[in-house]
C-alpha atoms as a PDB file:
ATOM      1  CA  MET A   1      48.559 -60.351  35.472  1.00  0.00           C
ATOM      2  CA  LEU A   2      49.532 -62.120  32.269  1.00  0.00           C
ATOM      3  CA  ASN A   3      52.442 -61.261  31.066  1.00  0.00           C
ATOM      4  CA  TYR A   4      54.111 -63.202  27.608  1.00  0.00           C
ATOM      5  CA  LYS A   5      56.976 -62.153  25.610  1.00  0.00           C
ATOM      6  CA  PRO A   6      58.462 -63.817  22.719  1.00  0.00           C
ATOM      7  CA  GLY A   7      60.298 -66.831  23.432  1.00  0.00           C
ATOM      8  CA  ASP A   8      59.178 -67.687  27.039  1.00  0.00           C
ATOM      9  CA  ASP A   9      58.466 -70.718  28.268  1.00  0.00           C
ATOM     10  CA  VAL A  10      54.560 -70.451  28.117  1.00  0.00           C
ATOM     11  CA  GLY A  11      53.746 -73.556  30.497  1.00  0.00           C
ATOM     12  CA  PRO A  12      52.077 -76.687  30.153  1.00  0.00           C
ATOM     13  CA  LEU A  13      49.496 -77.063  27.504  1.00  0.00           C
ATOM     14  CA  GLU A  14      46.737 -79.471  26.512  1.00  0.00           C
ATOM     15  CA  ASP A  15      46.119 -81.099  23.252  1.00  0.00           C
ATOM     16  CA  TRP A  16      43.397 -79.719  21.044  1.00  0.00           C
ATOM     17  CA  PRO A  17      42.564 -81.705  18.193  1.00  0.00           C
ATOM     18  CA  PHE A  18      40.983 -80.486  15.390  1.00  0.00           C
ATOM     19  CA  GLU A  19      37.467 -81.627  15.871  1.00  0.00           C
ATOM     20  CA  ASN A  20      35.392 -78.834  15.999  1.00  0.00           C
ATOM     21  CA  PRO A  21      32.403 -79.146  13.742  1.00  0.00           C
ATOM     22  CA  LYS A  22      32.003 -75.336  13.891  1.00  0.00           C
ATOM     23  CA  SER A  23      35.227 -74.739  12.615  1.00  0.00           C
ATOM     24  CA  ASN A  24      34.848 -77.218  10.054  1.00  0.00           C
ATOM     25  CA  TYR A  25      38.662 -78.182  10.084  1.00  0.00           C
ATOM     26  CA  GLN A  26      40.000 -79.373   6.802  1.00  0.00           C
ATOM     27  CA  ILE A  27      44.123 -80.724   6.970  1.00  0.00           C
ATOM     28  CA  LYS A  28      45.944 -80.082   3.430  1.00  0.00           C
ATOM     29  CA  GLU A  29      48.862 -80.818   3.870  1.00  0.00           C
ATOM     30  CA  GLY A  30      51.277 -82.941   6.295  1.00  0.00           C
ATOM     31  CA  ASP A  31      50.030 -83.639  10.189  1.00  0.00           C
ATOM     32  CA  PRO A  32      49.706 -80.345  11.998  1.00  0.00           C
ATOM     33  CA  LYS A  33      49.097 -81.139  15.972  1.00  0.00           C
ATOM     34  CA  ALA A  34      47.981 -78.540  18.029  1.00  0.00           C
ATOM     35  CA  SER A  35      47.651 -78.015  22.059  1.00  0.00           C
ATOM     36  CA  GLY A  36      46.605 -74.528  23.868  1.00  0.00           C
ATOM     37  CA  ARG A  37      45.768 -73.191  27.015  1.00  0.00           C
ATOM     38  CA  ILE A  38      43.121 -70.945  28.330  1.00  0.00           C
ATOM     39  CA  ASP A  39      44.070 -68.497  30.970  1.00  0.00           C
ATOM     40  CA  ALA A  40      41.058 -66.433  31.309  1.00  0.00           C
ATOM     41  CA  GLY A  41      37.349 -66.665  30.056  1.00  0.00           C
ATOM     42  CA  GLY A  42      36.172 -69.799  27.826  1.00  0.00           C
ATOM     43  CA  PRO A  43      33.000 -71.514  27.518  1.00  0.00           C
ATOM     44  CA  GLY A  44      29.663 -69.211  28.763  1.00  0.00           C
ATOM     45  CA  TYR A  45      32.109 -66.385  28.395  1.00  0.00           C
ATOM     46  CA  MET A  46      32.322 -63.242  25.377  1.00  0.00           C
ATOM     47  CA  THR A  47      36.088 -63.269  26.170  1.00  0.00           C
ATOM     48  CA  ARG A  48      38.862 -65.966  26.049  1.00  0.00           C
ATOM     49  CA  VAL A  49      42.603 -65.491  26.253  1.00  0.00           C
ATOM     50  CA  GLY A  50      45.177 -68.118  25.935  1.00  0.00           C
ATOM     51  CA  ILE A  51      48.117 -70.076  24.350  1.00  0.00           C
ATOM     52  CA  TRP A  52      47.766 -71.980  21.301  1.00  0.00           C
ATOM     53  CA  ARG A  53      50.666 -73.892  19.683  1.00  0.00           C
ATOM     54  CA  CYS A  54      50.484 -75.908  16.183  1.00  0.00           C
ATOM     55  CA  THR A  55      53.363 -77.976  14.510  1.00  0.00           C
ATOM     56  CA  LYS A  56      53.593 -77.798  10.536  1.00  0.00           C
ATOM     57  CA  GLY A  57      51.281 -77.936   8.239  1.00  0.00           C
ATOM     58  CA  VAL A  58      48.194 -77.146   6.523  1.00  0.00           C
ATOM     59  CA  PHE A  59      44.953 -77.036   7.414  1.00  0.00           C
ATOM     60  CA  THR A  60      41.791 -74.482   6.852  1.00  0.00           C
ATOM     61  CA  CYS A  61      38.788 -73.866   9.476  1.00  0.00           C
ATOM     62  CA  ILE A  62      36.629 -70.636  10.151  1.00  0.00           C
ATOM     63  CA  GLU A  63      37.757 -68.500  13.195  1.00  0.00           C
ATOM     64  CA  GLN A  64      35.338 -68.943  16.071  1.00  0.00           C
ATOM     65  CA  GLY A  65      35.325 -65.366  17.511  1.00  0.00           C
ATOM     66  CA  ASP A  66      37.183 -62.211  16.619  1.00  0.00           C
ATOM     67  CA  GLU A  67      40.862 -62.438  17.573  1.00  0.00           C
ATOM     68  CA  LEU A  68      44.224 -60.964  18.519  1.00  0.00           C
ATOM     69  CA  MET A  69      46.855 -62.896  18.281  1.00  0.00           C
ATOM     70  CA  THR A  70      50.738 -62.115  18.644  1.00  0.00           C
ATOM     71  CA  ILE A  71      53.152 -64.896  17.538  1.00  0.00           C
ATOM     72  CA  LEU A  72      55.558 -65.888  20.469  1.00  0.00           C
ATOM     73  CA  SER A  73      57.555 -68.171  18.533  1.00  0.00           C
ATOM     74  CA  GLY A  74      58.011 -69.679  14.776  1.00  0.00           C
ATOM     75  CA  ARG A  75      56.438 -68.565  11.727  1.00  0.00           C
ATOM     76  CA  CYS A  76      53.479 -68.877   9.466  1.00  0.00           C
ATOM     77  CA  ARG A  77      51.323 -67.533   6.820  1.00  0.00           C
ATOM     78  CA  LEU A  78      47.565 -67.016   7.547  1.00  0.00           C
ATOM     79  CA  ILE A  79      45.580 -66.444   4.143  1.00  0.00           C
ATOM     80  CA  ASP A  80      41.948 -65.271   3.521  1.00  0.00           C
ATOM     81  CA  ASN A  81      39.930 -67.404   2.226  1.00  0.00           C
ATOM     82  CA  SER A  82      37.385 -64.522   1.086  1.00  0.00           C
ATOM     83  CA  SER A  83      39.819 -61.963   0.017  1.00  0.00           C
ATOM     84  CA  GLY A  84      42.972 -64.136  -0.788  1.00  0.00           C
ATOM     85  CA  GLN A  85      45.025 -61.435   1.533  1.00  0.00           C
ATOM     86  CA  VAL A  86      48.077 -63.622   2.823  1.00  0.00           C
ATOM     87  CA  ASN A  87      50.186 -62.338   6.098  1.00  0.00           C
ATOM     88  CA  GLU A  88      52.966 -63.612   6.502  1.00  0.00           C
ATOM     89  CA  LEU A  89      53.749 -63.898  10.368  1.00  0.00           C
ATOM     90  CA  GLU A  90      56.695 -64.303  12.736  1.00  0.00           C
ATOM     91  CA  VAL A  91      57.906 -63.488  16.469  1.00  0.00           C
ATOM     92  CA  GLY A  92      56.618 -60.560  17.591  1.00  0.00           C
ATOM     93  CA  ASP A  93      54.039 -59.731  14.698  1.00  0.00           C
ATOM     94  CA  SER A  94      50.212 -59.842  15.934  1.00  0.00           C
ATOM     95  CA  LEU A  95      47.074 -60.029  13.570  1.00  0.00           C
ATOM     96  CA  PHE A  96      43.194 -59.624  13.858  1.00  0.00           C
ATOM     97  CA  VAL A  97      40.844 -61.839  12.424  1.00  0.00           C
ATOM     98  CA  ARG A  98      37.144 -61.597  12.249  1.00  0.00           C
ATOM     99  CA  ASP A  99      34.500 -64.016  13.303  1.00  0.00           C
ATOM    100  CA  GLY A 100      33.685 -66.424  10.500  1.00  0.00           C
ATOM    101  CA  SER A 101      36.324 -65.948   8.920  1.00  0.00           C
ATOM    102  CA  ARG A 102      37.535 -68.966   6.334  1.00  0.00           C
ATOM    103  CA  VAL A 103      40.743 -68.924   6.792  1.00  0.00           C
ATOM    104  CA  SER A 104      44.016 -71.415   5.605  1.00  0.00           C
ATOM    105  CA  TRP A 105      46.890 -71.474   8.465  1.00  0.00           C
ATOM    106  CA  ASP A 106      50.597 -72.623   6.726  1.00  0.00           C
ATOM    107  CA  ILE A 107      52.741 -73.392   9.693  1.00  0.00           C
ATOM    108  CA  ILE A 108      56.080 -72.964   8.285  1.00  0.00           C
ATOM    109  CA  GLU A 109      57.854 -73.599  11.995  1.00  0.00           C
ATOM    110  CA  ASP A 110      56.152 -74.594  15.120  1.00  0.00           C
ATOM    111  CA  VAL A 111      54.069 -71.387  16.140  1.00  0.00           C
ATOM    112  CA  THR A 112      52.945 -70.360  19.559  1.00  0.00           C
ATOM    113  CA  LYS A 113      50.968 -67.658  19.864  1.00  0.00           C
ATOM    114  CA  VAL A 114      48.664 -65.624  22.911  1.00  0.00           C
ATOM    115  CA  PHE A 115      45.390 -64.618  21.822  1.00  0.00           C
ATOM    116  CA  PHE A 116      42.790 -62.530  23.118  1.00  0.00           C
ATOM    117  CA  GLY A 117      39.197 -63.974  21.301  1.00  0.00           C
ATOM    118  CA  HIS A 118      35.698 -62.197  21.660  1.00  0.00           C
ATOM    119  CA  LYS A 119      32.709 -63.690  20.375  1.00  0.00           C
ATOM    120  CA  ALA A 120      29.350 -61.810  21.080  1.00  0.00           C
ATOM    121  CA  ASP A 121      26.972 -64.584  21.808  1.00  0.00           C
ATOM    122  CA  GLY A 122      29.703 -66.824  24.013  1.00  0.00           C
ATOM    123  CA  PHE A 123      32.363 -69.234  23.168  1.00  0.00           C
END
């Protein structure tokens, strides 16, 4: 059983560099650093559950998989580049993002999120 609550210590995370060519990361401002951990699923599976953390900065990417996320700490803006919809997220907020969406992350305060991802053809 995985049980995360806002403000909980999520334990150790590993560096997750912005290097996945499928995600087409583009750093726009600052020097954001990401880290994370997969707690269930992952490569070869259709689902994955884990923790992701990112420091302040702005970047764009293509989301890999449908994802439901909940913010555990920090604040950010997530902008859908197709529609222009801006979502302001802070502790306790959840958001669903579709596979293949080009989004901009504006990390205002270092963010930690828990996520559940699904990709029909596997991660």
